Amino acid sequence: MLELPEPDGVLSAADVKDVAADVIGQLPMEGIEGSPLDSGDIWPVVTMASVNQSSVWDVTSQTDDTPCDDTVMDWLHTLQRDQLEMATSLLFRHLAMTILDPDRSRIVSIDFVDNPYHGSPDEDSGELCKTTPTDGTTTCHRYCTAYVVSNGKPVTLALTYVRSDEKEADAVERVLDRVGTYPFEIDLLLADRGFYNERVIRRARDLATTVIPVQKKGERMKDKLATHCSYMTTYRMYKGSERELRFPLAVSVSYQNGDRGKHGEVVRGYVACDLGDRTPTQVERRYRKRSAIETSYRLFRQARATTTTQDPIVRFAFVIVSFLLENLWLVLRWAVVARPQRGGRDLPEQFTFQTFCDWIRHELEEELERRWEIEMNGVGVPDAYASAAG
């Protein structure tokens, strides 16, 4: 499925572009019946828009060997969510297991990614989710992701589209089900307080040791957090009902000594499944490993195409391409470029994600025959200006 360049020579921009084309070209697109084109004419345009952080229109209007933007978008509108997610799961798995040792346990983090959206739904209101005010809007397209917490290999493992008319726990379970198929053991599963949900906690603890911050809701939880001393206890969610769920609760008390201009005592509670024998400080320290997720999300946004389309599946496809490009960069950087050394590999600072995107852009500009000219105005400088200058 993935043929990497031989590591005994040099990695060129052409190599990078070819591997990216092989990976992204495997995303299924039904296409338009009777069209003389195929998906091989469409995905390079999307890839170019991604690495340029521009739109399909920008790419097609500046290149000669591409279909018009309306044709590209017509093809993209034939994408099917289920097919797209299934193929993406297989690609994520193959890329990840190219560089992850199946015999080594991993820390995995899950999170929601919100892309702010201005406008109305394409077909129904369930396409859009509510979010905190961002960029002048409170609506977004939402995705649930899982990725490996690692300094050198923070690869994305799973991704799914989240609708507002489904329970978020359903989306989380889809992601966790896919993560559960990986051959490595999960040492620790981390999530933010948005995942503080009975169904999510049950599914997560079945998969691995789990840490999730609690939400400060309900009198019983508020009483647990009304303390000045760290301690471990057991909490009963939905106490006395058929849904009752018991889990270890770590209550950690720390102090802000001017950090970010803040002072005073901070009390935080954590679901600590399978960590009942640890101290609250140890539980909190484990949760802080999750902070690396922001770096991963910042990178994927550096290779995301822009669009004005209302179609949520086309927007989802652009997000998928971004994550695939980031994962592919991680694979090439570690497996092909990084030099083995004692204790691991020396990751090359010069082969950044931006460099990776620049190389693909350079090659696609030649392949798609980018137009390096623009029509002149046929008028020049007005006579009055020319006289004044003289």
Protein backbone atom coordinates (compact mmCIF):
# COMPACT_ATOMS: atom_id res chain seq x y z
CA MET A 1 0.00 0.00 0.00
CA LEU A 2 2.81 2.41 0.88
CA GLU A 3 6.15 2.25 -0.89
CA LEU A 4 8.70 4.42 0.86
CA PRO A 5 11.80 5.71 -0.95
CA GLU A 6 14.96 3.71 -0.28
CA PRO A 7 16.79 5.25 2.70
CA ASP A 8 20.30 4.87 1.26
CA GLY A 9 20.21 7.88 -1.05
CA VAL A 10 18.58 11.31 -0.87
CA LEU A 11 14.93 12.16 -0.40
CA SER A 12 13.78 14.52 -3.14
CA ALA A 13 10.76 16.72 -3.59
CA ALA A 14 9.60 14.39 -6.37
CA ASP A 15 9.77 11.43 -3.97
CA VAL A 16 7.68 13.27 -1.40
CA LYS A 17 5.07 14.31 -3.94
CA ASP A 18 4.81 10.78 -5.38
CA VAL A 19 4.30 9.17 -1.97
CA ALA A 20 1.69 11.81 -1.04
CA ALA A 21 -0.13 11.16 -4.33
CA ASP A 22 -0.11 7.40 -3.66
CA VAL A 23 -1.60 7.84 -0.19
CA ILE A 24 -4.22 10.49 -0.92
CA GLY A 25 -5.14 8.86 -4.22
CA GLN A 26 -6.49 5.87 -2.28
CA LEU A 27 -9.37 7.91 -0.87
CA PRO A 28 -12.52 6.66 -2.67
CA MET A 29 -14.44 9.01 -4.93
CA GLU A 30 -17.35 7.75 -7.01
CA GLY A 31 -17.04 10.48 -9.59
CA ILE A 32 -19.39 11.59 -12.35
CA GLU A 33 -20.72 8.92 -14.70
CA GLY A 34 -19.56 9.47 -18.26
CA SER A 35 -16.91 12.01 -17.27
CA PRO A 36 -13.57 11.75 -19.14
CA LEU A 37 -11.81 12.48 -15.83
CA ASP A 38 -10.96 10.20 -12.91
CA SER A 39 -10.03 10.79 -9.26
CA GLY A 40 -6.39 11.04 -10.32
CA ASP A 41 -7.27 14.39 -11.89
CA ILE A 42 -9.03 15.63 -8.76
CA TRP A 43 -6.88 14.70 -5.76
CA PRO A 44 -3.75 16.58 -7.00
CA VAL A 45 -5.85 19.77 -7.08
CA VAL A 46 -7.01 19.14 -3.52
CA THR A 47 -3.46 18.36 -2.40
CA MET A 48 -2.18 21.56 -3.98
CA ALA A 49 -4.92 23.56 -2.26
CA SER A 50 -4.00 21.90 1.03
CA VAL A 51 -0.27 22.64 0.98
CA ASN A 52 -1.05 26.16 -0.25
CA GLN A 53 -3.77 26.68 2.39
CA SER A 54 -5.84 28.01 -0.50
CA SER A 55 -9.00 27.02 -2.36
CA VAL A 56 -9.73 24.75 -5.30
CA TRP A 57 -10.60 27.88 -7.30
CA ASP A 58 -7.20 29.41 -6.53
CA VAL A 59 -5.43 26.29 -7.79
CA THR A 60 -7.45 25.80 -10.97
CA SER A 61 -7.36 29.48 -11.91
CA GLN A 62 -3.56 29.54 -11.70
CA THR A 63 -2.79 26.28 -13.52
CA ASP A 64 -3.26 25.05 -17.08
CA ASP A 65 -3.34 21.27 -16.65
CA THR A 66 -6.30 21.07 -14.27
CA PRO A 67 -10.08 20.86 -14.69
CA CYS A 68 -12.13 23.96 -13.90
CA ASP A 69 -13.06 24.50 -10.26
CA ASP A 70 -16.75 23.68 -10.87
CA THR A 71 -15.79 20.29 -12.28
CA VAL A 72 -13.49 19.53 -9.35
CA MET A 73 -16.18 20.48 -6.84
CA ASP A 74 -18.80 18.40 -8.72
CA TRP A 75 -16.52 15.40 -8.30
CA LEU A 76 -15.90 16.15 -4.63
CA HIS A 77 -19.63 16.33 -4.00
CA THR A 78 -19.85 12.62 -4.91
CA LEU A 79 -17.80 11.64 -1.84
CA GLN A 80 -19.59 9.28 0.55
CA ARG A 81 -18.93 9.63 4.28
CA ASP A 82 -18.96 5.92 5.17
CA GLN A 83 -16.60 4.97 2.34
CA LEU A 84 -14.36 7.90 3.15
CA GLU A 85 -14.10 7.02 6.86
CA MET A 86 -13.43 3.35 6.17
CA ALA A 87 -10.64 4.08 3.71
CA THR A 88 -9.18 6.75 6.01
CA SER A 89 -9.08 4.30 8.92
CA LEU A 90 -7.09 1.83 6.82
CA LEU A 91 -4.67 4.54 5.67
CA PHE A 92 -4.17 5.85 9.22
CA ARG A 93 -3.47 2.34 10.43
CA HIS A 94 -0.99 1.56 7.68
CA LEU A 95 0.91 4.83 8.12
CA ALA A 96 0.99 4.51 11.90
CA MET A 97 2.18 0.91 11.94
CA THR A 98 4.95 1.75 9.50
CA ILE A 99 6.77 3.50 12.36
CA LEU A 100 5.16 2.22 15.58
CA ASP A 101 6.51 -0.90 17.27
CA PRO A 102 3.54 -3.25 17.82
CA ASP A 103 5.25 -4.73 20.88
CA ARG A 104 5.53 -1.42 22.70
CA SER A 105 2.65 0.09 24.67
CA ARG A 106 1.49 3.61 23.86
CA ILE A 107 -0.26 6.60 25.42
CA VAL A 108 -3.28 7.65 23.37
CA SER A 109 -5.26 10.87 23.58
CA ILE A 110 -8.72 11.57 22.18
CA ASP A 111 -10.14 15.00 21.47
CA PHE A 112 -12.68 16.98 19.47
CA VAL A 113 -11.52 19.23 16.65
CA ASP A 114 -13.84 22.13 15.87
CA ASN A 115 -13.66 24.01 12.60
CA PRO A 116 -15.62 27.28 12.90
CA TYR A 117 -18.31 27.64 10.23
CA HIS A 118 -20.16 30.71 9.00
CA GLY A 119 -23.41 30.07 7.19
CA SER A 120 -26.33 27.69 7.07
CA PRO A 121 -26.30 23.87 6.86
CA ASP A 122 -26.09 22.21 3.45
CA GLU A 123 -29.04 19.85 3.98
CA ASP A 124 -30.00 19.61 7.67
CA SER A 125 -29.20 21.24 10.99
CA GLY A 126 -27.53 18.08 12.33
CA GLU A 127 -24.44 18.87 10.24
CA LEU A 128 -23.42 21.69 12.58
CA CYS A 129 -22.41 21.64 16.24
CA LYS A 130 -22.39 24.44 18.78
CA THR A 131 -19.05 25.75 20.00
CA THR A 132 -17.66 28.61 22.03
CA PRO A 133 -17.64 31.92 20.11
CA THR A 134 -14.72 31.75 17.64
CA ASP A 135 -14.03 33.93 14.60
CA GLY A 136 -17.41 35.57 14.97
CA THR A 137 -19.48 32.36 14.98
CA THR A 138 -20.83 29.80 17.44
CA THR A 139 -21.29 26.96 14.93
CA CYS A 140 -18.73 24.49 13.65
CA HIS A 141 -18.11 21.19 11.93
CA ARG A 142 -16.80 18.82 14.59
CA TYR A 143 -14.52 15.79 14.35
CA CYS A 144 -13.37 13.31 16.98
CA THR A 145 -9.76 12.15 16.77
CA ALA A 146 -7.32 9.85 18.53
CA TYR A 147 -3.56 10.21 18.35
CA VAL A 148 -0.42 8.77 19.91
CA VAL A 149 1.17 10.97 22.59
CA SER A 150 4.80 10.97 21.49
CA ASN A 151 7.51 13.57 20.92
CA GLY A 152 8.77 11.87 17.80
CA LYS A 153 5.73 10.03 16.44
CA PRO A 154 2.49 11.86 17.33
CA VAL A 155 0.54 10.09 14.60
CA THR A 156 -3.23 10.31 14.25
CA LEU A 157 -4.84 6.89 14.70
CA ALA A 158 -8.52 7.52 14.00
CA LEU A 159 -10.89 10.25 12.89
CA THR A 160 -14.67 10.51 12.59
CA TYR A 161 -17.22 13.16 11.68
CA VAL A 162 -19.52 14.23 14.53
CA ARG A 163 -23.11 15.34 13.98
CA SER A 164 -25.06 17.37 16.50
CA ASP A 165 -28.09 15.07 16.19
CA GLU A 166 -26.12 12.09 17.50
CA LYS A 167 -24.72 11.59 20.97
CA GLU A 168 -21.08 12.57 21.16
CA ALA A 169 -20.49 9.30 22.99
CA ASP A 170 -21.43 7.48 19.75
CA ALA A 171 -18.63 9.27 17.89
CA VAL A 172 -16.19 8.59 20.72
CA GLU A 173 -17.06 4.90 20.64
CA ARG A 174 -16.42 4.77 16.89
CA VAL A 175 -12.97 6.23 17.44
CA LEU A 176 -12.19 3.99 20.41
CA ASP A 177 -13.35 0.93 18.47
CA ARG A 178 -10.87 1.77 15.72
CA VAL A 179 -8.09 2.44 18.20
CA GLY A 180 -8.84 -0.91 19.81
CA THR A 181 -7.96 -2.73 16.57
CA TYR A 182 -4.34 -1.57 16.63
CA PRO A 183 -1.88 -4.35 17.56
CA PHE A 184 -0.07 -2.45 20.31
CA GLU A 185 -1.17 -2.24 23.92
CA ILE A 186 -2.54 1.09 25.16
CA ASP A 187 -0.74 2.03 28.35
CA LEU A 188 -2.86 5.10 29.06
CA LEU A 189 -5.89 6.80 27.52
CA LEU A 190 -6.28 10.56 28.01
CA ALA A 191 -9.15 12.93 27.23
CA ASP A 192 -10.27 16.41 28.27
CA ARG A 193 -13.33 17.19 30.40
CA GLY A 194 -15.56 17.24 27.33
CA PHE A 195 -15.39 13.44 27.49
CA TYR A 196 -16.63 13.26 31.09
CA ASN A 197 -19.53 11.02 30.17
CA GLU A 198 -20.72 7.73 31.63
CA ARG A 199 -20.68 5.83 28.31
CA VAL A 200 -17.28 7.20 27.35
CA ILE A 201 -15.77 6.32 30.72
CA ARG A 202 -17.14 2.77 30.55
CA ARG A 203 -15.80 2.20 27.03
CA ALA A 204 -12.45 3.86 27.75
CA ARG A 205 -11.72 1.92 30.92
CA ASP A 206 -12.44 -1.34 29.06
CA LEU A 207 -9.72 -0.35 26.62
CA ALA A 208 -7.00 1.00 28.91
CA THR A 209 -6.06 2.90 32.06
CA THR A 210 -7.96 6.17 31.72
CA VAL A 211 -7.59 9.75 32.98
CA ILE A 212 -10.31 12.35 32.31
CA PRO A 213 -10.86 15.64 34.21
CA VAL A 214 -14.26 15.79 35.88
CA GLN A 215 -16.82 18.50 35.30
CA LYS A 216 -17.66 20.53 38.39
CA LYS A 217 -21.38 19.85 38.21
CA GLY A 218 -23.71 18.49 40.88
CA GLU A 219 -23.62 19.00 44.62
CA ARG A 220 -21.86 15.71 45.35
CA MET A 221 -19.01 16.47 42.97
CA LYS A 222 -18.73 20.03 44.29
CA ASP A 223 -18.49 18.63 47.82
CA LYS A 224 -15.68 16.28 46.72
CA LEU A 225 -13.75 19.23 45.27
CA ALA A 226 -14.34 21.51 48.27
CA THR A 227 -11.01 20.68 49.91
CA HIS A 228 -7.55 22.07 50.62
CA CYS A 229 -5.82 18.67 50.63
CA SER A 230 -5.18 16.22 47.79
CA TYR A 231 -6.73 12.78 48.23
CA MET A 232 -7.98 9.67 46.42
CA THR A 233 -11.54 8.43 46.79
CA THR A 234 -14.29 6.56 44.92
CA TYR A 235 -17.05 8.43 43.13
CA ARG A 236 -20.45 7.07 42.13
CA MET A 237 -21.87 8.69 39.00
CA TYR A 238 -25.70 8.46 38.81
CA LYS A 239 -25.68 7.09 42.36
CA GLY A 240 -28.55 4.74 43.12
CA SER A 241 -29.76 4.39 39.51
CA GLU A 242 -29.40 1.60 36.96
CA ARG A 243 -26.68 3.66 35.27
CA GLU A 244 -24.57 3.94 38.43
CA LEU A 245 -20.86 3.99 37.61
CA ARG A 246 -18.10 3.80 40.19
CA PHE A 247 -14.59 5.01 39.45
CA PRO A 248 -11.48 6.17 41.37
CA LEU A 249 -11.52 9.96 41.77
CA ALA A 250 -8.22 11.79 42.17
CA VAL A 251 -8.59 15.22 43.77
CA SER A 252 -5.42 17.23 43.31
CA VAL A 253 -4.70 20.53 45.09
CA SER A 254 -1.89 22.67 43.68
CA TYR A 255 -0.79 26.28 43.90
CA GLN A 256 -0.21 28.86 41.18
CA ASN A 257 2.83 30.85 42.12
CA GLY A 258 2.44 33.59 39.58
CA ASP A 259 2.09 31.18 36.67
CA ARG A 260 0.55 33.16 33.81
CA GLY A 261 -0.09 35.95 36.28
CA LYS A 262 -2.29 33.77 38.49
CA HIS A 263 -1.98 33.03 42.19
CA GLY A 264 -3.72 30.88 44.75
CA GLU A 265 -5.03 27.39 45.21
CA VAL A 266 -6.32 25.23 42.36
CA VAL A 267 -8.41 22.10 42.92
CA ARG A 268 -8.83 19.64 40.06
CA GLY A 269 -10.58 16.28 39.95
CA TYR A 270 -9.76 13.40 37.60
CA VAL A 271 -11.43 10.14 36.66
CA ALA A 272 -8.55 7.75 37.38
CA CYS A 273 -9.63 4.32 36.16
CA ASP A 274 -7.11 1.62 37.13
CA LEU A 275 -5.04 4.21 38.99
CA GLY A 276 -6.59 3.87 42.43
CA ASP A 277 -3.18 2.98 43.89
CA ARG A 278 -1.54 6.22 42.66
CA THR A 279 -1.39 9.62 44.31
CA PRO A 280 -3.40 12.56 42.92
CA THR A 281 -0.13 14.24 41.93
CA GLN A 282 0.90 11.18 39.92
CA VAL A 283 -2.50 11.08 38.19
CA GLU A 284 -2.30 14.78 37.31
CA ARG A 285 1.25 14.36 36.02
CA ARG A 286 0.05 11.63 33.70
CA TYR A 287 -2.77 13.77 32.40
CA ARG A 288 -0.38 16.60 31.53
CA LYS A 289 1.23 14.38 28.91
CA ARG A 290 -1.82 15.21 26.81
CA SER A 291 -0.67 18.81 26.26
CA ALA A 292 1.30 17.76 23.15
CA ILE A 293 -1.98 17.42 21.25
CA GLU A 294 -2.01 21.15 20.50
CA THR A 295 1.18 20.81 18.45
CA SER A 296 -0.39 18.09 16.32
CA TYR A 297 -3.51 20.17 15.67
CA ARG A 298 -1.48 23.26 14.85
CA LEU A 299 0.45 21.32 12.19
CA PHE A 300 -2.57 19.82 10.45
CA ARG A 301 -4.05 23.30 10.04
CA GLN A 302 -0.91 24.29 8.11
CA ALA A 303 -2.03 22.00 5.29
CA ARG A 304 -5.78 22.45 5.11
CA ALA A 305 -7.55 23.67 2.00
CA THR A 306 -10.00 26.55 2.33
CA THR A 307 -13.48 26.46 0.85
CA THR A 308 -16.82 28.22 0.84
CA THR A 309 -18.81 25.06 0.12
CA GLN A 310 -21.60 24.13 2.52
CA ASP A 311 -21.09 20.42 1.88
CA PRO A 312 -19.88 18.95 5.20
CA ILE A 313 -18.42 15.84 3.54
CA VAL A 314 -16.22 17.89 1.22
CA ARG A 315 -15.03 19.89 4.23
CA PHE A 316 -14.43 16.59 6.06
CA ALA A 317 -12.37 15.34 3.11
CA PHE A 318 -10.15 18.44 3.29
CA VAL A 319 -9.54 17.73 7.00
CA ILE A 320 -8.72 14.09 6.21
CA VAL A 321 -6.17 15.13 3.58
CA SER A 322 -4.54 17.47 6.11
CA PHE A 323 -4.15 14.73 8.73
CA LEU A 324 -2.89 12.24 6.13
CA LEU A 325 -0.24 14.71 4.98
CA GLU A 326 0.88 15.26 8.57
CA ASN A 327 1.07 11.51 9.23
CA LEU A 328 2.99 10.95 6.00
CA TRP A 329 5.49 13.63 6.98
CA LEU A 330 6.01 11.91 10.33
CA VAL A 331 6.61 8.59 8.56
CA LEU A 332 9.12 10.02 6.08
CA ARG A 333 10.90 12.04 8.75
CA TRP A 334 11.35 9.07 11.07
CA ALA A 335 11.68 6.10 8.69
CA VAL A 336 13.60 7.65 5.79
CA VAL A 337 15.44 10.76 7.01
CA ALA A 338 16.10 10.42 10.77
CA ARG A 339 19.49 8.84 11.49
CA PRO A 340 19.73 5.95 13.95
CA GLN A 341 21.64 6.75 17.10
CA ARG A 342 22.01 5.26 20.52
CA GLY A 343 18.66 5.38 22.29
CA GLY A 344 16.57 6.15 19.20
CA ARG A 345 16.81 8.29 16.09
CA ASP A 346 18.05 11.81 15.49
CA LEU A 347 15.09 13.68 14.02
CA PRO A 348 16.24 16.20 11.38
CA GLU A 349 15.39 19.78 12.23
CA GLN A 350 15.63 20.93 8.62
CA PHE A 351 12.91 18.55 7.34
CA THR A 352 10.01 20.44 8.90
CA PHE A 353 6.35 20.02 8.03
CA GLN A 354 6.55 23.35 6.21
CA THR A 355 9.45 22.04 4.13
CA PHE A 356 7.48 18.87 3.38
CA CYS A 357 4.53 21.00 2.14
CA ASP A 358 6.84 23.31 0.15
CA TRP A 359 8.34 20.35 -1.68
CA ILE A 360 4.93 18.97 -2.64
CA ARG A 361 3.85 22.43 -3.79
CA HIS A 362 6.98 22.82 -5.92
CA GLU A 363 6.43 19.50 -7.70
CA LEU A 364 2.71 20.02 -8.22
CA GLU A 365 3.32 23.47 -9.69
CA GLU A 366 5.27 21.78 -12.48
CA GLU A 367 2.91 18.81 -12.83
CA LEU A 368 -0.21 20.96 -12.99
CA GLU A 369 1.60 23.55 -15.12
CA ARG A 370 1.22 26.56 -12.91
CA ARG A 371 0.80 29.77 -14.87
CA TRP A 372 3.57 32.22 -13.95
CA GLU A 373 2.07 35.15 -15.82
CA ILE A 374 -0.90 37.48 -15.65
CA GLU A 375 -2.56 39.56 -18.34
CA MET A 376 -1.48 43.21 -18.50
CA ASN A 377 -4.00 46.06 -18.45
CA GLY A 378 -3.19 47.37 -21.95
CA VAL A 379 -3.19 50.94 -20.66
CA GLY A 380 -0.09 51.50 -18.61
CA VAL A 381 0.56 54.65 -16.59
CA PRO A 382 -2.03 57.44 -17.19
CA ASP A 383 -0.61 60.30 -19.27
CA ALA A 384 -1.15 62.83 -16.45
CA TYR A 385 0.94 60.68 -14.06
CA ALA A 386 3.64 60.18 -16.66
CA SER A 387 3.88 63.94 -17.29
CA ALA A 388 4.09 64.69 -13.59
CA ALA A 389 6.84 62.11 -13.17
CA GLY A 390 8.75 63.61 -16.06
